[in-house]
Protein backbone atom coordinates (compact mmCIF):
# COMPACT_ATOMS: atom_id res chain seq x y z
CA UNK A 1 0.08 -0.10 0.02
CA UNK A 2 1.57 3.25 -1.32
CA UNK A 3 -0.75 5.61 0.17
CA UNK A 4 -3.52 6.05 2.75
CA UNK A 5 -5.88 8.99 3.48
CA UNK A 6 -7.21 10.08 7.08
CA UNK A 7 -10.55 11.49 6.66
CA UNK A 8 -12.54 12.67 9.61
CA UNK A 9 -16.29 13.13 10.42
CA UNK A 10 -15.65 16.68 11.36
CA UNK A 11 -13.05 19.53 11.61
CA UNK A 12 -10.93 19.27 14.66
CA UNK A 13 -11.31 15.62 15.34
CA UNK A 14 -7.55 14.88 15.27
CA UNK A 15 -6.62 14.32 11.67
CA UNK A 16 -3.54 16.49 11.30
CA UNK A 17 -2.04 14.81 14.58
CA UNK A 18 -2.89 11.21 13.48
CA UNK A 19 -1.37 12.05 10.08
CA UNK A 20 1.94 13.44 11.85
CA UNK A 21 1.74 10.37 14.34
CA UNK A 22 1.48 7.72 11.42
CA UNK A 23 4.35 9.60 9.76
CA UNK A 24 6.49 9.42 12.72
CA UNK A 25 5.92 5.84 13.49
CA UNK A 26 6.69 4.90 9.67
CA UNK A 27 9.64 6.89 9.76
CA UNK A 28 11.00 5.31 12.87
CA UNK A 29 10.51 1.77 11.54
CA UNK A 30 12.71 3.04 8.17
CA UNK A 31 9.88 3.61 5.83
CA UNK A 32 10.45 6.55 3.51
CA UNK A 33 7.31 8.47 4.12
CA UNK A 34 5.79 11.94 3.09
CA UNK A 35 2.57 13.88 4.32
CA UNK A 36 0.06 15.34 1.70
CA UNK A 37 -3.15 17.20 2.16
CA UNK A 38 -4.79 18.15 -1.32
CA UNK A 39 -6.47 21.07 -0.31
CA UNK A 40 -5.97 22.98 3.32
CA UNK A 41 -8.00 26.21 4.66
CA UNK A 42 -5.98 28.15 7.21
CA UNK A 43 -4.32 31.12 8.20
CA UNK A 44 -1.41 29.15 9.66
CA UNK A 45 1.17 28.82 7.13
CA UNK A 46 4.90 28.03 6.79
CA UNK A 47 7.57 28.49 4.13
CA UNK A 48 9.10 25.54 2.30
CA UNK A 49 12.34 24.86 1.27
CA UNK A 50 11.39 25.77 -2.38
CA UNK A 51 10.33 29.00 -1.68
CA UNK A 52 6.60 28.72 -1.18
CA UNK A 53 4.10 28.40 1.58
CA UNK A 54 1.89 25.45 2.93
CA UNK A 55 -0.32 24.69 5.92
CA UNK A 56 1.34 24.76 9.06
CA UNK A 57 0.12 21.00 9.66
CA UNK A 58 2.09 19.72 6.94
CA UNK A 59 5.30 21.27 7.85
CA UNK A 60 4.71 19.66 11.35
CA UNK A 61 4.05 16.37 9.36
CA UNK A 62 7.21 16.70 7.44
CA UNK A 63 9.12 17.33 10.56
CA UNK A 64 7.65 14.04 11.88
CA UNK A 65 9.02 12.13 8.64
CA UNK A 66 12.50 13.78 9.33
CA UNK A 67 12.11 15.59 5.96
CA UNK A 68 12.03 19.12 4.56
CA UNK A 69 8.51 20.49 3.64
CA UNK A 70 7.86 21.47 -0.08
CA UNK A 71 5.14 23.05 -1.87
CA UNK A 72 3.84 19.40 -3.24
CA UNK A 73 2.81 18.58 0.44
CA UNK A 74 0.04 21.00 0.24
CA UNK A 75 -0.61 22.26 -3.35
CA UNK A 76 -3.91 24.25 -2.38
CA UNK A 77 -4.03 26.48 0.27
CA UNK A 78 -6.85 28.65 0.69
CA UNK A 79 -6.45 31.74 3.30
CA UNK A 80 -9.58 33.54 4.51
CA UNK A 81 -9.54 37.10 4.37
CA UNK A 82 -13.27 37.88 5.02
CA UNK A 83 -16.33 36.03 5.13
CA UNK A 84 -16.84 35.66 1.64
CA UNK A 85 -13.23 35.88 0.30
CA UNK A 86 -10.06 34.14 0.51
CA UNK A 87 -6.53 34.25 -0.86
CA UNK A 88 -5.88 31.07 -3.16
CA UNK A 89 -2.31 29.89 -2.99
CA UNK A 90 -1.47 27.09 -5.40
CA UNK A 91 1.92 25.34 -5.29
CA UNK A 92 2.91 27.86 -2.75
CA UNK A 93 2.23 31.12 -4.58
CA UNK A 94 -0.58 33.17 -4.33
CA UNK A 95 -2.48 33.09 -7.53
CA UNK A 96 -5.55 35.38 -6.88
CA UNK A 97 -8.76 35.24 -4.54
CA UNK A 98 -11.41 32.90 -4.10
CA UNK A 99 -15.15 33.94 -3.71
CA UNK A 100 -17.33 32.09 -1.57
CA UNK A 101 -20.07 31.91 -4.26
CA UNK A 102 -17.72 30.32 -6.93
CA UNK A 103 -16.24 28.00 -4.57
CA UNK A 104 -17.17 24.55 -5.74
CA UNK A 105 -16.71 25.59 -9.40
CA UNK A 106 -13.36 27.41 -9.10
CA UNK A 107 -11.68 24.70 -6.96
CA UNK A 108 -12.70 21.72 -9.39
CA UNK A 109 -10.06 22.92 -12.02
CA UNK A 110 -7.35 22.42 -9.60
CA UNK A 111 -7.66 18.80 -9.07
CA UNK A 112 -5.16 18.12 -12.15
CA UNK A 113 -2.38 20.22 -9.99
CA UNK A 114 -3.17 18.50 -6.92
CA UNK A 115 -2.61 14.96 -8.64
CA UNK A 116 0.44 16.22 -10.12
CA UNK A 117 1.73 16.90 -6.80
CA UNK A 118 0.40 13.76 -5.05
CA UNK A 119 2.24 11.49 -8.07
CA UNK A 120 5.49 13.39 -7.51
CA UNK A 121 5.40 12.41 -4.08
CA UNK A 122 4.28 8.97 -4.88
CA UNK A 123 7.41 8.34 -6.95
CA UNK A 124 9.87 10.06 -4.14
CA UNK A 125 8.36 8.23 -1.26
CA UNK A 126 7.58 4.44 -0.20
CA UNK A 127 4.38 5.69 1.37
CA UNK A 128 2.45 9.08 1.15
CA UNK A 129 -0.18 9.58 4.13
CA UNK A 130 -2.76 11.88 2.98
CA UNK A 131 -4.81 14.24 5.37
CA UNK A 132 -8.61 15.05 4.38
CA UNK A 133 -10.24 18.28 5.12
CA UNK A 134 -13.28 18.68 7.45
CA UNK A 135 -15.66 16.10 6.53
CA UNK A 136 -16.11 14.02 3.43
CA UNK A 137 -20.17 13.91 4.16
CA UNK A 138 -21.11 17.43 4.12
CA UNK A 139 -23.85 17.28 1.19
CA UNK A 140 -23.27 21.08 0.30
CA UNK A 141 -19.60 20.38 -0.42
CA UNK A 142 -19.66 16.97 -2.07
CA UNK A 143 -19.94 18.54 -5.70
CA UNK A 144 -16.33 19.25 -7.13
CA UNK A 145 -14.60 17.89 -3.97
CA UNK A 146 -10.92 17.64 -4.12
CA UNK A 147 -10.05 17.48 -0.43
CA UNK A 148 -11.67 14.21 0.64
CA UNK A 149 -13.45 11.78 -1.36
CA UNK A 150 -13.32 13.27 -4.67
CA UNK A 151 -9.63 13.02 -4.50
CA UNK A 152 -9.44 9.80 -3.05
CA UNK A 153 -11.73 8.45 -5.91
CA UNK A 154 -9.75 9.73 -8.59
CA UNK A 155 -6.23 8.89 -6.72
CA UNK A 156 -7.35 5.60 -5.89
CA UNK A 157 -6.34 5.87 -2.10
CA UNK A 158 -7.90 3.79 0.75
CA UNK A 159 -9.61 5.65 3.47
CA UNK A 160 -9.34 5.35 7.18
CA UNK A 161 -12.26 7.51 8.88
CA UNK A 162 -11.79 9.18 12.18
CA UNK A 163 -14.10 10.40 15.03
CA UNK A 164 -13.42 12.42 18.33
CA UNK A 165 -15.26 10.86 21.04
CA UNK A 166 -14.83 13.75 23.20
CA UNK A 167 -17.19 15.78 21.02
CA UNK A 168 -19.91 12.98 22.02
CA UNK A 169 -21.95 10.70 19.70
CA UNK A 170 -18.58 9.23 17.74
CA UNK A 171 -20.57 6.15 16.96
CA UNK A 172 -23.28 8.34 15.54
CA UNK A 173 -20.87 10.46 13.31
CA UNK A 174 -18.98 7.54 12.32
CA UNK A 175 -22.05 5.66 10.89
CA UNK A 176 -23.94 8.89 9.61
CA UNK A 177 -20.84 9.78 7.57
CA UNK A 178 -20.83 6.21 6.18
CA UNK A 179 -24.40 6.65 5.38
CA UNK A 180 -24.01 9.60 3.46
CA UNK A 181 -21.28 8.39 1.31
CA UNK A 182 -21.79 6.86 -2.29
CA UNK A 183 -21.55 3.04 -2.73
CA UNK A 184 -18.01 3.42 -4.05
CA UNK A 185 -16.74 5.78 -1.42
CA UNK A 186 -18.13 3.91 1.16
CA UNK A 187 -16.27 0.71 -0.01
CA UNK A 188 -13.07 2.89 -0.24
CA UNK A 189 -13.45 3.27 3.66
CA UNK A 190 -10.93 0.34 5.01
CA UNK A 191 -11.31 1.07 8.67
CA UNK A 192 -12.54 3.42 11.42
CA UNK A 193 -10.71 4.97 13.97
CA UNK A 194 -11.79 6.45 17.50
CA UNK A 195 -9.73 9.39 18.62
CA UNK A 196 -9.13 11.06 22.04
CA UNK A 197 -10.63 8.39 24.43
CA UNK A 198 -10.32 8.61 28.37
CA UNK A 199 -10.94 5.90 30.58
CA UNK A 200 -11.03 2.20 30.59
CA UNK A 201 -11.21 0.67 27.03
CA UNK A 202 -13.43 -2.17 28.20
CA UNK A 203 -16.41 0.23 28.65
CA UNK A 204 -16.19 0.51 24.85
CA UNK A 205 -16.45 -3.22 24.05
CA UNK A 206 -20.16 -3.24 23.09
CA UNK A 207 -20.19 -0.02 21.18
CA UNK A 208 -17.32 -1.34 18.80
CA UNK A 209 -19.22 -4.80 18.43
CA UNK A 210 -22.17 -2.83 17.37
CA UNK A 211 -20.17 -0.46 15.21
CA UNK A 212 -18.59 -3.32 13.25
CA UNK A 213 -21.80 -5.31 12.81
CA UNK A 214 -23.65 -1.98 11.53
CA UNK A 215 -21.00 -0.65 9.38
CA UNK A 216 -19.18 -3.57 8.05
CA UNK A 217 -16.11 -1.85 8.75
CA UNK A 218 -12.87 -2.98 10.93
CA UNK A 219 -12.27 -0.50 14.11
CA UNK A 220 -8.35 0.02 13.57
CA UNK A 221 -8.14 1.36 16.94
CA UNK A 222 -9.12 3.51 19.77
CA UNK A 223 -6.63 5.87 20.46
CA UNK A 224 -6.05 7.64 24.01
CA UNK A 225 -6.14 11.20 24.64
CA UNK A 226 -2.37 12.22 24.95
CA UNK A 227 -0.97 15.47 26.67
CA UNK A 228 0.86 16.58 23.35
CA UNK A 229 2.84 19.69 23.13
CA UNK A 230 2.02 20.30 19.39
CA UNK A 231 1.15 22.90 17.26
CA UNK A 232 -2.15 22.18 15.70
CA UNK A 233 -3.65 24.14 12.98
CA UNK A 234 -7.22 24.23 13.76
CA UNK A 235 -7.29 24.05 17.42
CA UNK A 236 -8.57 26.51 19.71
CA UNK A 237 -5.91 28.77 20.68
CA UNK A 238 -3.44 27.23 23.10
CA UNK A 239 -3.17 28.58 26.58
CA UNK A 240 -0.42 27.79 28.59
CA UNK A 241 -0.44 24.90 31.21
CA UNK A 242 0.65 27.50 33.92
CA UNK A 243 -2.40 28.85 35.68
CA UNK A 244 -2.36 32.68 35.98
CA UNK A 245 -2.51 32.33 39.86
CA UNK A 246 0.87 30.21 39.85
CA UNK A 247 2.72 31.99 37.02
CA UNK A 248 5.60 34.72 37.93
CA UNK A 249 4.97 36.17 34.12
CA UNK A 250 1.83 36.99 32.13
CA UNK A 251 1.36 37.16 28.35
CA UNK A 252 -1.62 38.49 26.57
CA UNK A 253 -2.12 37.84 22.90
CA UNK A 254 -4.61 39.87 21.17
CA UNK A 255 -6.78 37.44 18.96
CA UNK A 256 -8.27 39.56 16.26
CA UNK A 257 -10.87 38.34 13.57
CA UNK A 258 -8.02 37.43 10.83
CA UNK A 259 -5.25 36.39 13.31
CA UNK A 260 -2.77 34.03 11.68
CA UNK A 261 0.23 31.98 12.47
CA UNK A 262 -0.79 31.97 16.51
CA UNK A 263 1.47 28.93 16.66
CA UNK A 264 4.09 31.41 17.29
CA UNK A 265 3.19 31.64 20.69
CA UNK A 266 3.49 27.89 21.57
CA UNK A 267 7.08 28.07 22.76
CA UNK A 268 6.19 30.70 25.21
CA UNK A 269 3.28 28.88 26.35
CA UNK A 270 5.37 25.74 27.12
CA UNK A 271 7.35 27.82 29.50
CA UNK A 272 7.08 26.80 33.18
CA UNK A 273 6.02 29.77 35.00
CA UNK A 274 4.64 31.77 32.09
CA UNK A 275 0.82 32.44 31.71
CA UNK A 276 -0.37 32.76 28.30
CA UNK A 277 -3.74 33.89 27.22
CA UNK A 278 -5.56 34.86 24.21
CA UNK A 279 -7.97 37.82 24.71
CA UNK A 280 -10.67 39.17 22.56
CA UNK A 281 -11.78 41.98 24.58
CA UNK A 282 -10.03 45.04 26.05
CA UNK A 283 -11.20 44.47 29.49
CA UNK A 284 -9.25 40.92 29.51
CA UNK A 285 -5.84 42.54 28.89
CA UNK A 286 -4.45 43.20 32.52
CA UNK A 287 -2.77 41.74 34.11
CA UNK A 288 -0.07 41.33 31.49
CA UNK A 289 3.83 41.94 31.54
CA UNK A 290 3.81 41.68 27.60
CA UNK A 291 1.25 42.12 25.20
CA UNK A 292 1.48 40.20 21.78
CA UNK A 293 -0.18 41.45 18.42
CA UNK A 294 0.48 38.47 16.34
CA UNK A 295 0.11 38.12 12.55
CA UNK A 296 -2.73 38.87 10.65
CA UNK A 297 -4.19 37.72 7.28
CA UNK A 298 -5.71 41.14 6.88
CA UNK A 299 -4.07 43.92 8.54
CA UNK A 300 -5.93 46.91 7.87
CA UNK A 301 -9.37 45.15 8.90
CA UNK A 302 -8.06 43.56 12.17
CA UNK A 303 -6.32 47.14 13.10
CA UNK A 304 -9.67 48.81 12.53
CA UNK A 305 -11.08 45.94 14.75
CA UNK A 306 -8.64 46.66 17.58
CA UNK A 307 -9.67 50.25 17.46
CA UNK A 308 -13.15 49.53 17.51
CA UNK A 309 -12.68 47.44 20.71
CA UNK A 310 -11.19 49.80 22.77
CA UNK A 311 -7.52 48.24 22.79
CA UNK A 312 -5.67 51.33 22.03
CA UNK A 313 -6.65 53.11 25.48
CA UNK A 314 -5.82 49.77 27.45
CA UNK A 315 -2.50 49.24 25.57
CA UNK A 316 -1.58 52.97 26.13
CA UNK A 317 -2.32 52.76 29.80
CA UNK A 318 -0.37 49.16 29.78
CA UNK A 319 2.70 51.30 28.25
CA UNK A 320 2.56 54.31 30.82
CA UNK A 321 3.14 51.59 33.47
CA UNK A 322 6.05 49.91 32.20
CA UNK A 323 4.38 47.10 30.17
CA UNK A 324 5.85 45.60 27.03
CA UNK A 325 4.19 45.12 23.44
CA UNK A 326 5.42 43.01 20.93
CA UNK A 327 4.18 43.02 17.15
CA UNK A 328 5.06 40.22 14.73
CA UNK A 329 4.36 40.52 11.07
CA UNK A 330 1.17 42.05 10.58
CA UNK A 331 1.30 43.15 14.18
CA UNK A 332 4.34 45.05 13.74
CA UNK A 333 2.77 46.79 10.89
CA UNK A 334 -0.16 47.87 12.81
CA UNK A 335 2.48 49.37 15.38
CA UNK A 336 4.01 51.44 12.96
CA UNK A 337 3.26 54.91 11.70
CA UNK A 338 1.52 54.39 8.44
CA UNK A 339 0.40 51.47 6.09
CA UNK A 340 0.60 52.41 2.47
CA UNK A 341 -1.61 50.58 0.66
CA UNK A 342 -2.33 50.66 -3.41
CA UNK A 343 -5.14 48.18 -3.45
CA UNK A 344 -3.65 44.85 -1.73
CA UNK A 345 -5.90 45.02 1.20
CA UNK A 346 -8.17 48.05 -0.07
CA UNK A 347 -6.38 51.34 1.02
CA UNK A 348 -3.93 53.18 3.18
CA UNK A 349 -4.24 53.46 7.03
CA UNK A 350 -2.67 55.27 9.71
CA UNK A 351 -0.82 52.72 12.16
CA UNK A 352 -0.95 53.06 16.19
CA UNK A 353 2.25 55.14 15.88
CA UNK A 354 4.42 53.27 18.48
CA UNK A 355 7.32 52.22 16.00
CA UNK A 356 9.07 54.66 13.94
CA UNK A 357 8.39 52.57 10.76
CA UNK A 358 6.11 53.06 7.63
CA UNK A 359 4.82 49.57 5.60
CA UNK A 360 4.37 49.80 1.74
CA UNK A 361 1.98 47.06 1.07
CA UNK A 362 3.03 45.15 -2.12
CA UNK A 363 1.18 42.25 -4.07
CA UNK A 364 4.22 40.19 -4.31
CA UNK A 365 4.43 38.13 -0.99
CA UNK A 366 7.95 37.71 0.82
CA UNK A 367 8.30 34.09 1.40
CA UNK A 368 11.79 33.30 3.10
CA UNK A 369 13.14 30.95 5.66
CA UNK A 370 15.23 32.46 8.42
CA UNK A 371 18.31 30.53 10.09
CA UNK A 372 21.04 33.09 11.20
CA UNK A 373 22.63 34.88 13.97
CA UNK A 374 20.59 37.49 15.99
CA UNK A 375 21.96 40.85 16.85
CA UNK A 376 19.74 41.40 19.62
CA UNK A 377 19.18 40.46 22.37
CA UNK A 378 22.29 38.33 22.14
CA UNK A 379 24.40 37.11 19.32
CA UNK A 380 22.77 33.45 19.17
CA UNK A 381 21.03 31.37 16.52
CA UNK A 382 17.39 32.26 15.60
CA UNK A 383 15.11 30.25 12.98
CA UNK A 384 11.80 30.72 11.44
CA UNK A 385 10.13 32.35 8.34
CA UNK A 386 8.90 35.31 6.78
CA UNK A 387 5.53 35.65 4.88
CA UNK A 388 4.10 38.86 4.39
CA UNK A 389 2.95 41.43 2.12
CA UNK A 390 4.86 44.62 2.30
CA UNK A 391 7.95 46.06 3.17
CA UNK A 392 8.83 48.05 6.12
CA UNK A 393 11.87 50.07 7.78
CA UNK A 394 14.17 48.07 9.61
CA UNK A 395 17.19 48.51 11.66
CA UNK A 396 19.61 45.64 11.04
CA UNK A 397 21.37 46.27 14.22
CA UNK A 398 18.23 44.73 16.10
CA UNK A 399 17.92 41.82 13.98
CA UNK A 400 15.73 39.65 14.13
CA UNK A 401 13.68 42.58 15.48
CA UNK A 402 12.95 45.03 12.83
CA UNK A 403 12.46 48.32 15.26
CA UNK A 404 11.86 49.08 18.69
CA UNK A 405 10.58 52.20 20.34
CA UNK A 406 13.13 54.89 22.23
CA UNK A 407 11.96 53.77 25.53
CA UNK A 408 12.47 49.98 24.57
CA UNK A 409 8.91 49.16 25.39
CA UNK A 410 7.42 48.42 21.98
CA UNK A 411 9.05 45.89 19.61
CA UNK A 412 8.20 44.47 16.07
CA UNK A 413 9.57 41.59 13.93
CA UNK A 414 8.58 40.12 10.57
CA UNK A 415 9.96 36.53 11.80
CA UNK A 416 7.59 33.99 12.54
CA UNK A 417 8.60 30.75 14.94
CA UNK A 418 10.96 33.49 16.55
CA UNK A 419 10.97 31.68 19.84
CA UNK A 420 11.65 28.11 18.59
CA UNK A 421 15.25 28.38 19.57
CA UNK A 422 15.39 27.92 23.48
CA UNK A 423 18.74 29.97 23.83
CA UNK A 424 17.20 32.84 21.82
CA UNK A 425 13.70 32.61 23.99
CA UNK A 426 15.78 32.73 26.95
CA UNK A 427 17.69 35.89 26.12
CA UNK A 428 14.53 37.53 24.93
CA UNK A 429 12.37 36.45 27.85
CA UNK A 430 15.21 37.85 30.28
CA UNK A 431 15.32 41.25 28.28
CA UNK A 432 11.69 41.63 29.15
CA UNK A 433 11.91 40.57 32.82
CA UNK A 434 11.31 36.97 32.97
CA UNK A 435 14.70 35.26 34.00
CA UNK A 436 13.62 31.73 34.69
CA UNK A 437 13.25 30.17 31.19
CA UNK A 438 14.20 26.61 30.58
CA UNK A 439 15.75 27.35 27.48
CA UNK A 440 14.50 24.20 25.64
CA UNK A 441 14.47 24.28 22.00
CA UNK A 442 10.89 23.66 20.89
CA UNK A 443 11.30 21.31 18.48
CA UNK A 444 12.71 18.98 21.26
CA UNK A 445 9.39 19.33 22.74
CA UNK A 446 7.79 18.72 19.46
CA UNK A 447 9.43 15.34 18.63
CA UNK A 448 9.05 14.05 22.13
CA UNK A 449 5.64 14.51 21.73
CA UNK A 450 5.53 13.14 18.14
CA UNK A 451 7.48 10.05 19.51
CA UNK A 452 4.83 9.83 22.47
CA UNK A 453 2.23 9.87 19.90
CA UNK A 454 3.77 7.18 17.61
CA UNK A 455 4.27 4.73 20.40
CA UNK A 456 0.43 4.95 21.31
CA UNK A 457 -0.23 4.23 17.28
CA UNK A 458 1.83 1.51 17.44
CA UNK A 459 0.20 -0.32 20.58
CA UNK A 460 -3.36 0.72 19.70
CA UNK A 461 -3.54 0.48 16.02
CA UNK A 462 -4.44 -2.94 14.51
CA UNK A 463 -1.00 -4.61 13.23
CA UNK A 464 -3.00 -6.05 10.42
CA UNK A 465 -3.91 -2.65 8.99
CA UNK A 466 -0.45 -1.32 9.79
CA UNK A 467 1.38 -4.09 8.32
CA UNK A 468 0.94 -3.11 4.68
CA UNK A 469 2.29 0.34 5.42
CA UNK A 470 5.35 -1.05 7.25
CA UNK A 471 6.21 -3.41 4.31
CA UNK A 472 6.58 -1.01 1.58
CA UNK A 473 10.10 0.14 2.28
CA UNK A 474 12.15 0.73 -0.71
CA UNK A 475 15.80 -0.93 -0.84
CA UNK A 476 16.91 2.36 -0.23
CA UNK A 477 14.91 2.76 2.66
CA UNK A 478 16.15 -0.40 4.10
CA UNK A 479 19.86 0.21 3.67
CA UNK A 480 19.60 4.15 4.29
CA UNK A 481 19.36 4.98 8.28
CA UNK A 482 16.69 7.48 8.85
CA UNK A 483 18.26 10.75 10.88
CA UNK A 484 15.71 10.78 13.64
């Protein structure tokens, strides 16, 4: 079996994480494996080694495989800009905008591009693990589908259907999804997976027997709930595990409507002693030592929202009392004097004026991986990526920061993933008043969680269903030791 597709009964049932776990399990067993998602809808993106952008989840899955992410792993990425409009990314590059009323008609023409990328990966790897999007059983989305069964049928890929027991009604969701599928699609579903179970497995025995009898499908496994430290593309914003009452340092992240790349905050949320909160109203801001303005898919509309919600006044008070503000990418553009725009987002707009920079919005998007030495707050390695429209004034002596205010309270950067490197994160936290950072690289935490996940899958998934994936090792895979 050269490929397997993980589809779900809904968004957020754990497809992305299960694909990452399967990729890790196969890679650890010497299988040359790659992830693939035909169509993704997310404002959390990553930059690839071939200079494009893909969904953040596919970059995580590539890490699980111990390979570099490429645009073939997510050939169609849809980045919502408004309720009825999204930016369309094809093979890593912005090609235009997608209107909601033409969504089904416009996406079907992309099927050939999707298949070309999939076939390239198949030719390069022993196994390709494919992730679906949302649910395959939405009647309004089935026509012209390239993300779920529409792709699986044309590409002739077997499917495992996943449901999340924490949502309730998992057996109804699995059975109901199967009932909506066509006969050929239903036949394509090889097995069912129940995700996120807590408690004694024996409590499910009767239900599992019923499920197999009613559906005629094998249950591949019941995956336990696991406390994983992983960035998840479509999950609720991640708050830290340290309660505010137990913390010695508080970070508030303003979650405006078009916020993007919120996984930038994950390394900070992983710090013991740091409490991170995502907030949507001005009265939630305090107490905070640092306020973060994260990335934005539509900077001008998010800045307007921030003003309308009364954040300007509470941020000014925060600064008067010595608090710090960090703007990342679009958040930094908001902190400047002016955003000059000739039509990229709809017009020029004055910024908050707390950084001495102006931004010229440009239709050509900057896509760049970063791996170099920081100039501030210490000369240590910094990694990440840039993904933005527009060019802003910058001070090279402050890199990876572009600008700071004269009183050193307001900072801005274009670099996403800035806090992944533990030594840099420790130095930055120390500079803003928190001296207890553990200095652990976030990738170490991520890989440790991926191994925990792979261990659980190896234990819980049916050996008979895993065997065809594990037995596809090429001669090169058998002789070349994977760097894990």
